[in-house]
Amino acid sequence: MKIKLNKKLVVYKLNAQNRKDAISQLADRFVQQGIVTDKHAYLDAVEIREAEGTTGIGDGIAIPHGETSAVTDSSVAVAELKRPLEWQAMDGNPVKYVFLLAVPQNGDVEHLKILSELASELMDDDVRERLSKVTSVDDLMRVF
């Protein structure tokens, strides 16, 4: 199963000031698409998860995620950041690509499936190489 991206949830050159700003701007996309019904509840869920340990998996990639009843449908929002941001990533490097997951309450199985699929895609050297050459939203869509 390939990861399906909604073009309206993909941002090229997201101008974020810090980790929370990047997550908030992507959460706005979820709200605009009706995927998140309560942005504050969703952001709280993401922050609770972030407090458990970094979602910066290394190689400039972060996969923050939140599970809450404010999410209507499992979705992934993607941003290539204008400037890399500090994320306390496992490898100590800043993050350039953010894959924000929104998961409905009690969506553990689906959540783990999406997370696992995304992580395995992102561990592929070819995928990371294609990511590094992205110059538009369409390019980002084509990587997946």
Protein backbone atom coordinates (compact mmCIF):
# COMPACT_ATOMS: atom_id res chain seq x y z
CA MET A 1 0.00 0.00 0.00
CA LYS A 2 1.45 3.33 -1.09
CA ILE A 3 0.97 6.43 1.03
CA LYS A 4 -1.79 8.56 -0.48
CA LEU A 5 -1.25 12.29 -0.22
CA ASN A 6 -3.87 15.01 -0.66
CA LYS A 7 -2.28 17.89 -2.58
CA LYS A 8 -4.05 20.35 -0.25
CA LEU A 9 -2.08 18.83 2.65
CA VAL A 10 1.33 19.22 1.00
CA VAL A 11 3.39 22.40 1.45
CA TYR A 12 6.63 23.30 -0.30
CA LYS A 13 8.89 25.85 1.42
CA LEU A 14 6.79 26.15 4.60
CA ASN A 15 7.99 29.25 6.42
CA ALA A 16 7.92 28.11 10.05
CA GLN A 17 9.69 29.77 12.98
CA ASN A 18 10.01 26.62 15.11
CA ARG A 19 8.67 23.09 15.64
CA LYS A 20 5.36 24.21 17.16
CA ASP A 21 4.78 26.73 14.36
CA ALA A 22 5.40 24.09 11.68
CA ILE A 23 2.95 21.69 13.36
CA SER A 24 0.36 24.46 13.83
CA GLN A 25 0.55 25.55 10.18
CA LEU A 26 0.11 21.96 8.98
CA ALA A 27 -2.75 21.45 11.46
CA ASP A 28 -4.46 24.44 9.80
CA ARG A 29 -4.48 22.41 6.58
CA PHE A 30 -6.22 19.53 8.38
CA VAL A 31 -8.84 21.96 9.72
CA GLN A 32 -9.42 23.48 6.26
CA GLN A 33 -10.01 19.99 4.84
CA GLY A 34 -12.41 18.99 7.64
CA ILE A 35 -9.99 16.31 8.90
CA VAL A 36 -9.54 18.03 12.29
CA THR A 37 -12.61 19.52 13.97
CA ASP A 38 -10.81 21.07 16.98
CA LYS A 39 -7.32 22.37 16.25
CA HIS A 40 -6.46 22.96 19.93
CA ALA A 41 -7.45 19.42 20.95
CA TYR A 42 -5.39 18.04 18.06
CA LEU A 43 -2.34 20.19 18.86
CA ASP A 44 -2.61 19.10 22.52
CA ALA A 45 -2.52 15.44 21.40
CA VAL A 46 0.54 16.12 19.20
CA GLU A 47 2.34 17.93 22.03
CA ILE A 48 1.60 15.10 24.49
CA ARG A 49 3.19 12.70 22.00
CA GLU A 50 6.17 15.04 21.43
CA ALA A 51 6.73 15.18 25.21
CA GLU A 52 7.14 11.37 25.26
CA GLY A 53 10.17 11.57 22.98
CA THR A 54 11.34 13.15 19.78
CA THR A 55 9.56 12.45 16.51
CA GLY A 56 12.67 13.63 14.65
CA ILE A 57 13.77 10.28 13.21
CA GLY A 58 16.97 11.58 11.63
CA ASP A 59 18.11 12.44 8.09
CA GLY A 60 16.21 15.74 8.34
CA ILE A 61 12.85 14.03 8.83
CA ALA A 62 10.22 14.35 11.60
CA ILE A 63 6.97 12.40 11.90
CA PRO A 64 4.93 14.15 14.61
CA HIS A 65 1.50 12.68 15.23
CA GLY A 66 -1.60 13.09 17.33
CA GLU A 67 -4.50 10.78 18.09
CA THR A 68 -7.74 12.39 19.25
CA SER A 69 -11.51 12.38 18.76
CA ALA A 70 -11.03 15.77 17.01
CA VAL A 71 -9.71 13.84 13.98
CA THR A 72 -12.33 12.56 11.53
CA ASP A 73 -10.08 10.63 9.14
CA SER A 74 -6.49 9.34 9.27
CA SER A 75 -4.36 11.68 7.18
CA VAL A 76 -0.81 12.82 6.52
CA ALA A 77 0.23 16.44 5.91
CA VAL A 78 3.69 16.99 4.46
CA ALA A 79 5.96 20.03 4.49
CA GLU A 80 9.35 20.72 3.06
CA LEU A 81 10.55 23.54 5.28
CA LYS A 82 11.98 26.78 3.94
CA ARG A 83 14.64 26.60 6.69
CA PRO A 84 15.60 23.48 8.65
CA LEU A 85 14.37 23.58 12.26
CA GLU A 86 15.73 22.25 15.54
CA TRP A 87 13.64 19.20 16.52
CA GLN A 88 15.87 17.31 18.99
CA ALA A 89 16.11 14.65 16.29
CA MET A 90 17.73 11.31 17.09
CA ASP A 91 20.78 12.17 14.97
CA GLY A 92 21.03 15.71 16.43
CA ASN A 93 20.46 17.34 13.03
CA PRO A 94 17.76 19.87 12.17
CA VAL A 95 14.59 18.80 10.36
CA LYS A 96 13.80 19.77 6.76
CA TYR A 97 10.77 17.52 6.10
CA VAL A 98 7.74 17.18 8.38
CA PHE A 99 5.18 14.39 7.97
CA LEU A 100 2.33 15.26 10.36
CA LEU A 101 -0.13 12.44 11.07
CA ALA A 102 -3.70 12.94 12.23
CA VAL A 103 -5.33 9.82 13.66
CA PRO A 104 -8.88 9.38 15.02
CA GLN A 105 -9.34 8.28 18.66
CA ASN A 106 -8.95 4.50 18.96
CA GLY A 107 -7.21 4.40 15.59
CA ASP A 108 -4.18 2.58 17.04
CA VAL A 109 -4.01 -0.16 14.39
CA GLU A 110 -4.41 2.25 11.49
CA HIS A 111 -2.03 4.71 13.16
CA LEU A 112 0.70 2.10 13.51
CA LYS A 113 0.13 0.92 9.94
CA ILE A 114 0.52 4.45 8.51
CA LEU A 115 3.49 5.23 10.77
CA SER A 116 5.22 1.96 9.88
CA GLU A 117 4.61 2.43 6.15
CA LEU A 118 5.80 6.02 6.22
CA ALA A 119 8.91 5.18 8.26
CA SER A 120 9.86 2.31 5.95
CA GLU A 121 9.37 4.52 2.87
CA LEU A 122 11.54 7.21 4.47
CA MET A 123 14.30 4.72 5.34
CA ASP A 124 14.68 3.98 1.62
CA ASP A 125 17.79 5.77 0.31
CA ASP A 126 16.11 6.30 -3.07
CA VAL A 127 13.09 8.01 -1.45
CA ARG A 128 15.35 10.28 0.63
CA GLU A 129 17.41 11.09 -2.46
CA ARG A 130 14.24 12.06 -4.39
CA LEU A 131 13.09 14.14 -1.40
CA SER A 132 16.35 16.08 -1.46
CA LYS A 133 15.67 17.13 -5.07
CA VAL A 134 12.10 18.37 -4.54
CA THR A 135 11.39 21.81 -6.01
CA SER A 136 7.58 21.97 -5.85
CA VAL A 137 4.41 20.52 -4.29
CA ASP A 138 4.06 18.28 -7.38
CA ASP A 139 7.59 16.94 -6.84
CA LEU A 140 6.75 16.16 -3.21
CA MET A 141 3.59 14.34 -4.34
CA ARG A 142 5.58 12.28 -6.85
CA VAL A 143 8.07 11.07 -4.22
CA PHE A 144 5.23 8.98 -2.78
